[in-house]
Amino acid sequence: MDHVISLAAGGEHAPLNIQLLCKTCNLKKSAKHPVDFMQQMGKLL
């Protein structure tokens, strides 16, 4: 499980802020904003 918006970035520990990620993606995402992470992964322009 991963926080969509990290707790360090002001995200809440709430059901709407939780997502399932594989271990590799969770480690790559770290505390990045979800848009920044998806751009880094080449999924967004």
Foldseek 3Di string as FASTA:
>chain_A
DAFLQDVVNVGDPDPVRDDDDPPVLCVQCPNPHNVVSCVVVVNHD
